[in-house]
C-alpha atoms as a PDB file:
ATOM      1  CA  MET A   1     167.838 188.870 175.462  1.00  0.00           C
ATOM      2  CA  ILE A   2     164.608 186.897 175.835  1.00  0.00           C
ATOM      3  CA  GLN A   3     162.805 187.926 179.003  1.00  0.00           C
ATOM      4  CA  LEU A   4     159.424 186.642 180.051  1.00  0.00           C
ATOM      5  CA  LYS A   5     157.164 189.138 181.787  1.00  0.00           C
ATOM      6  CA  SER A   6     154.394 188.288 184.209  1.00  0.00           C
ATOM      7  CA  HIS A   7     150.907 188.700 182.821  1.00  0.00           C
ATOM      8  CA  ASP A   8     149.836 191.315 185.325  1.00  0.00           C
ATOM      9  CA  ARG A   9     146.775 193.499 184.833  1.00  0.00           C
ATOM     10  CA  ALA A  10     148.626 196.552 183.501  1.00  0.00           C
ATOM     11  CA  ARG A  11     150.576 194.505 180.949  1.00  0.00           C
ATOM     12  CA  ALA A  12     147.483 192.559 179.938  1.00  0.00           C
ATOM     13  CA  GLU A  13     145.628 195.812 179.274  1.00  0.00           C
ATOM     14  CA  ARG A  14     148.561 197.238 177.308  1.00  0.00           C
ATOM     15  CA  TRP A  15     148.920 194.053 175.256  1.00  0.00           C
ATOM     16  CA  ALA A  16     145.179 193.956 174.540  1.00  0.00           C
ATOM     17  CA  ALA A  17     145.222 197.624 173.484  1.00  0.00           C
ATOM     18  CA  ARG A  18     148.247 196.987 171.259  1.00  0.00           C
ATOM     19  CA  PHE A  19     146.426 194.071 169.640  1.00  0.00           C
ATOM     20  CA  GLU A  20     143.295 196.173 169.039  1.00  0.00           C
ATOM     21  CA  ALA A  21     145.377 198.935 167.444  1.00  0.00           C
ATOM     22  CA  GLU A  22     147.072 196.415 165.158  1.00  0.00           C
ATOM     23  CA  ARG A  23     143.751 194.755 164.298  1.00  0.00           C
ATOM     24  CA  GLU A  24     142.358 198.131 163.211  1.00  0.00           C
ATOM     25  CA  ARG A  25     145.503 198.988 161.271  1.00  0.00           C
ATOM     26  CA  THR A  26     145.350 195.634 159.461  1.00  0.00           C
ATOM     27  CA  ARG A  27     141.650 196.137 158.662  1.00  0.00           C
ATOM     28  CA  THR A  28     142.451 199.601 157.296  1.00  0.00           C
ATOM     29  CA  VAL A  29     145.703 198.912 155.430  1.00  0.00           C
ATOM     30  CA  ALA A  30     144.986 195.398 154.128  1.00  0.00           C
ATOM     31  CA  PRO A  31     141.209 194.802 154.167  1.00  0.00           C
ATOM     32  CA  ASP A  32     140.728 193.029 150.831  1.00  0.00           C
ATOM     33  CA  GLU A  33     139.508 189.473 151.444  1.00  0.00           C
ATOM     34  CA  LEU A  34     140.432 189.679 155.150  1.00  0.00           C
ATOM     35  CA  LEU A  35     138.367 187.068 156.976  1.00  0.00           C
ATOM     36  CA  GLY A  36     139.410 187.754 160.545  1.00  0.00           C
ATOM     37  CA  VAL A  37     142.086 189.036 162.889  1.00  0.00           C
ATOM     38  CA  ARG A  38     142.820 187.290 166.199  1.00  0.00           C
ATOM     39  CA  HIS A  39     145.210 187.817 169.113  1.00  0.00           C
ATOM     40  CA  ILE A  40     147.455 184.757 169.517  1.00  0.00           C
ATOM     41  CA  GLY A  41     150.631 183.911 171.385  1.00  0.00           C
ATOM     42  CA  SER A  42     151.390 184.170 175.071  1.00  0.00           C
ATOM     43  CA  THR A  43     150.210 187.772 175.417  1.00  0.00           C
ATOM     44  CA  ALA A  44     146.721 186.532 174.456  1.00  0.00           C
ATOM     45  CA  VAL A  45     146.589 184.125 177.406  1.00  0.00           C
ATOM     46  CA  PRO A  46     145.782 185.541 180.845  1.00  0.00           C
ATOM     47  CA  GLU A  47     147.974 184.268 183.680  1.00  0.00           C
ATOM     48  CA  LEU A  48     150.764 183.153 181.336  1.00  0.00           C
ATOM     49  CA  ALA A  49     154.211 184.740 181.402  1.00  0.00           C
ATOM     50  CA  ALA A  50     155.115 186.151 178.007  1.00  0.00           C
ATOM     51  CA  LYS A  51     157.747 187.890 175.981  1.00  0.00           C
ATOM     52  CA  PRO A  52     156.508 191.442 175.482  1.00  0.00           C
ATOM     53  CA  VAL A  53     155.636 190.666 171.858  1.00  0.00           C
ATOM     54  CA  VAL A  54     152.042 190.841 170.639  1.00  0.00           C
ATOM     55  CA  ASP A  55     151.297 188.164 168.038  1.00  0.00           C
ATOM     56  CA  VAL A  56     148.466 188.874 165.608  1.00  0.00           C
ATOM     57  CA  LEU A  57     146.910 186.327 163.260  1.00  0.00           C
ATOM     58  CA  ALA A  58     145.193 187.612 160.109  1.00  0.00           C
ATOM     59  CA  VAL A  59     143.396 185.060 157.942  1.00  0.00           C
ATOM     60  CA  TYR A  60     142.779 185.867 154.275  1.00  0.00           C
ATOM     61  CA  ALA A  61     140.527 184.234 151.689  1.00  0.00           C
ATOM     62  CA  ASP A  62     143.440 182.841 149.684  1.00  0.00           C
ATOM     63  CA  LYS A  63     147.190 183.022 149.092  1.00  0.00           C
ATOM     64  CA  SER A  64     146.912 185.853 146.608  1.00  0.00           C
ATOM     65  CA  ALA A  65     145.001 188.039 149.063  1.00  0.00           C
ATOM     66  CA  MET A  66     147.477 187.143 151.819  1.00  0.00           C
ATOM     67  CA  ARG A  67     150.459 188.141 149.667  1.00  0.00           C
ATOM     68  CA  ALA A  68     148.780 191.404 148.644  1.00  0.00           C
ATOM     69  CA  ALA A  69     148.119 192.148 152.312  1.00  0.00           C
ATOM     70  CA  ALA A  70     151.768 191.484 153.155  1.00  0.00           C
ATOM     71  CA  ARG A  71     152.837 193.978 150.477  1.00  0.00           C
ATOM     72  CA  ALA A  72     150.394 196.598 151.796  1.00  0.00           C
ATOM     73  CA  LEU A  73     151.520 196.113 155.400  1.00  0.00           C
ATOM     74  CA  ALA A  74     155.180 196.308 154.364  1.00  0.00           C
ATOM     75  CA  ALA A  75     154.443 199.585 152.585  1.00  0.00           C
ATOM     76  CA  ASP A  76     152.854 200.778 155.849  1.00  0.00           C
ATOM     77  CA  GLY A  77     156.054 200.250 157.833  1.00  0.00           C
ATOM     78  CA  CYS A  78     156.118 196.561 158.706  1.00  0.00           C
ATOM     79  CA  VAL A  79     159.287 194.582 158.077  1.00  0.00           C
ATOM     80  CA  ARG A  80     158.889 191.273 156.281  1.00  0.00           C
ATOM     81  CA  LYS A  81     160.428 188.410 158.220  1.00  0.00           C
ATOM     82  CA  ARG A  82     159.028 185.372 156.409  1.00  0.00           C
ATOM     83  CA  ASP A  83     157.767 184.951 152.864  1.00  0.00           C
ATOM     84  CA  ASP A  84     156.310 181.457 152.467  1.00  0.00           C
ATOM     85  CA  PRO A  85     153.378 180.431 150.274  1.00  0.00           C
ATOM     86  CA  ASP A  86     151.180 179.674 153.321  1.00  0.00           C
ATOM     87  CA  TRP A  87     152.658 182.057 155.868  1.00  0.00           C
ATOM     88  CA  GLN A  88     153.712 185.661 155.684  1.00  0.00           C
ATOM     89  CA  VAL A  89     155.301 187.132 158.820  1.00  0.00           C
ATOM     90  CA  LEU A  90     155.867 190.827 159.362  1.00  0.00           C
ATOM     91  CA  ASN A  91     157.120 192.781 162.382  1.00  0.00           C
ATOM     92  CA  ARG A  92     156.272 196.226 163.593  1.00  0.00           C
ATOM     93  CA  SER A  93     158.359 197.663 166.425  1.00  0.00           C
ATOM     94  CA  ASP A  94     156.980 200.877 167.818  1.00  0.00           C
ATOM     95  CA  GLU A  95     156.581 200.944 171.589  1.00  0.00           C
ATOM     96  CA  GLU A  96     156.303 197.135 171.740  1.00  0.00           C
ATOM     97  CA  THR A  97     156.967 194.622 169.031  1.00  0.00           C
ATOM     98  CA  VAL A  98     154.044 193.216 167.085  1.00  0.00           C
ATOM     99  CA  VAL A  99     154.417 190.123 164.916  1.00  0.00           C
ATOM    100  CA  LEU A 100     151.785 189.766 162.201  1.00  0.00           C
ATOM    101  CA  HIS A 101     151.129 186.208 161.017  1.00  0.00           C
ATOM    102  CA  LEU A 102     149.211 186.223 157.738  1.00  0.00           C
ATOM    103  CA  ARG A 103     147.661 182.933 156.622  1.00  0.00           C
ATOM    104  CA  PRO A 104     145.335 181.871 153.829  1.00  0.00           C
ATOM    105  CA  ARG A 105     142.109 180.184 154.961  1.00  0.00           C
ATOM    106  CA  ALA A 106     143.114 176.925 153.229  1.00  0.00           C
ATOM    107  CA  ALA A 107     146.244 176.570 155.377  1.00  0.00           C
ATOM    108  CA  ASP A 108     145.297 174.570 158.466  1.00  0.00           C
ATOM    109  CA  THR A 109     148.079 176.138 160.495  1.00  0.00           C
ATOM    110  CA  TRP A 110     145.885 179.060 161.608  1.00  0.00           C
ATOM    111  CA  ARG A 111     143.597 176.501 163.235  1.00  0.00           C
ATOM    112  CA  ASP A 112     146.534 175.068 165.172  1.00  0.00           C
ATOM    113  CA  GLN A 113     147.406 178.495 166.552  1.00  0.00           C
ATOM    114  CA  LEU A 114     143.852 179.139 167.711  1.00  0.00           C
ATOM    115  CA  VAL A 115     143.196 175.726 169.295  1.00  0.00           C
ATOM    116  CA  PHE A 116     146.500 176.023 171.146  1.00  0.00           C
ATOM    117  CA  ARG A 117     145.487 179.462 172.464  1.00  0.00           C
ATOM    118  CA  GLU A 118     142.052 178.222 173.528  1.00  0.00           C
ATOM    119  CA  LEU A 119     143.516 175.278 175.443  1.00  0.00           C
ATOM    120  CA  LEU A 120     145.972 177.546 177.259  1.00  0.00           C
ATOM    121  CA  ARG A 121     143.196 179.970 178.167  1.00  0.00           C
ATOM    122  CA  ASP A 122     141.098 177.155 179.664  1.00  0.00           C
ATOM    123  CA  SER A 123     143.618 174.845 181.307  1.00  0.00           C
ATOM    124  CA  ALA A 124     145.895 175.784 184.204  1.00  0.00           C
ATOM    125  CA  ARG A 125     147.801 172.510 183.667  1.00  0.00           C
ATOM    126  CA  ALA A 126     148.415 173.300 179.996  1.00  0.00           C
ATOM    127  CA  ARG A 127     149.496 176.866 180.870  1.00  0.00           C
ATOM    128  CA  ALA A 128     151.913 175.543 183.485  1.00  0.00           C
ATOM    129  CA  ALA A 129     153.394 172.999 181.062  1.00  0.00           C
ATOM    130  CA  TYR A 130     153.846 175.612 178.378  1.00  0.00           C
ATOM    131  CA  GLU A 131     155.293 178.178 180.773  1.00  0.00           C
ATOM    132  CA  ARG A 132     157.856 175.595 181.986  1.00  0.00           C
ATOM    133  CA  ALA A 133     158.846 175.028 178.349  1.00  0.00           C
ATOM    134  CA  GLU A 134     159.046 178.799 177.733  1.00  0.00           C
ATOM    135  CA  ARG A 135     161.214 179.403 180.772  1.00  0.00           C
ATOM    136  CA  ALA A 136     163.533 176.499 179.953  1.00  0.00           C
ATOM    137  CA  ALA A 137     163.857 177.679 176.350  1.00  0.00           C
ATOM    138  CA  ALA A 138     164.561 181.269 177.442  1.00  0.00           C
ATOM    139  CA  ALA A 139     167.221 180.087 179.906  1.00  0.00           C
ATOM    140  CA  ALA A 140     168.863 177.826 177.328  1.00  0.00           C
ATOM    141  CA  HIS A 141     168.701 180.322 174.446  1.00  0.00           C
ATOM    142  CA  PRO A 142     168.600 183.845 175.930  1.00  0.00           C
ATOM    143  CA  GLY A 143     169.822 185.586 172.785  1.00  0.00           C
ATOM    144  CA  ASP A 144     168.504 183.381 169.985  1.00  0.00           C
ATOM    145  CA  VAL A 145     164.785 183.708 169.219  1.00  0.00           C
ATOM    146  CA  ASP A 146     164.841 180.936 166.603  1.00  0.00           C
ATOM    147  CA  ALA A 147     166.470 178.466 169.017  1.00  0.00           C
ATOM    148  CA  TYR A 148     164.077 179.582 171.774  1.00  0.00           C
ATOM    149  CA  THR A 149     161.120 178.918 169.486  1.00  0.00           C
ATOM    150  CA  GLY A 150     162.516 175.554 168.385  1.00  0.00           C
ATOM    151  CA  ALA A 151     163.094 174.468 171.968  1.00  0.00           C
ATOM    152  CA  LYS A 152     159.376 174.919 172.728  1.00  0.00           C
ATOM    153  CA  GLU A 153     158.155 173.172 169.589  1.00  0.00           C
ATOM    154  CA  SER A 154     157.591 169.675 171.005  1.00  0.00           C
ATOM    155  CA  THR A 155     155.550 171.081 173.904  1.00  0.00           C
ATOM    156  CA  ILE A 156     153.487 173.180 171.496  1.00  0.00           C
ATOM    157  CA  GLU A 157     152.859 170.144 169.285  1.00  0.00           C
ATOM    158  CA  GLU A 158     151.824 167.972 172.243  1.00  0.00           C
ATOM    159  CA  LEU A 159     149.457 170.616 173.610  1.00  0.00           C
ATOM    160  CA  THR A 160     147.997 171.333 170.169  1.00  0.00           C
ATOM    161  CA  GLU A 161     147.305 167.612 169.649  1.00  0.00           C
ATOM    162  CA  ARG A 162     145.624 167.535 173.066  1.00  0.00           C
ATOM    163  CA  ALA A 163     143.515 170.578 172.139  1.00  0.00           C
ATOM    164  CA  TYR A 164     142.232 168.817 169.016  1.00  0.00           C
ATOM    165  CA  ARG A 165     141.524 165.605 170.969  1.00  0.00           C
ATOM    166  CA  ASP A 166     139.603 167.668 173.524  1.00  0.00           C
ATOM    167  CA  GLY A 167     137.482 169.317 170.804  1.00  0.00           C
ATOM    168  CA  TYR A 168     138.860 172.843 170.921  1.00  0.00           C
ATOM    169  CA  ASP A 169     138.617 173.024 167.136  1.00  0.00           C
ATOM    170  CA  GLU A 170     134.828 173.175 167.573  1.00  0.00           C
ATOM    171  CA  ARG A 171     135.286 176.642 169.131  1.00  0.00           C
ATOM    172  CA  LEU A 172     137.043 178.137 166.142  1.00  0.00           C
ATOM    173  CA  PRO A 173     135.506 180.949 164.139  1.00  0.00           C
ATOM    174  CA  GLU A 174     133.995 180.098 160.797  1.00  0.00           C
ATOM    175  CA  PHE A 175     135.735 182.124 158.128  1.00  0.00           C
ATOM    176  CA  ALA A 176     133.162 181.987 155.327  1.00  0.00           C
END
């Protein structure tokens, strides 16, 4: 059952701590050619309701390094959920679920995730639009995460396009 939780102070602190723990674990378990680890998804956006799932983005120098990292993280207890050339997804479910999104630097999709997050952090209107889409998707697809995600896709695409138009890509980290 998909349930959105308010982004209250206690949850925000717990989600931030969970992200930091996962960032350190990723740096320890899969450090080779790791360029950066960022908190993404709704739990990374203050004032936005969220599923209690912490999304973590790890960017690697290339596809080979990303795939090696996915193998190392799987050996450390993560469950592989997606195995694509430009996107490895792993889950860890301890006290709260963490979803690790591994991307190679050359894949532009990591940029999309970060500009989207930055727009939501800055704009109350964008947060409200996205939260409406989240709530509608959760109501329409309470037991189907894939359908829930698909139902939000057009809103995510529109807001991501807006973020690029508004120059949010200029805020992104440089992964040398």
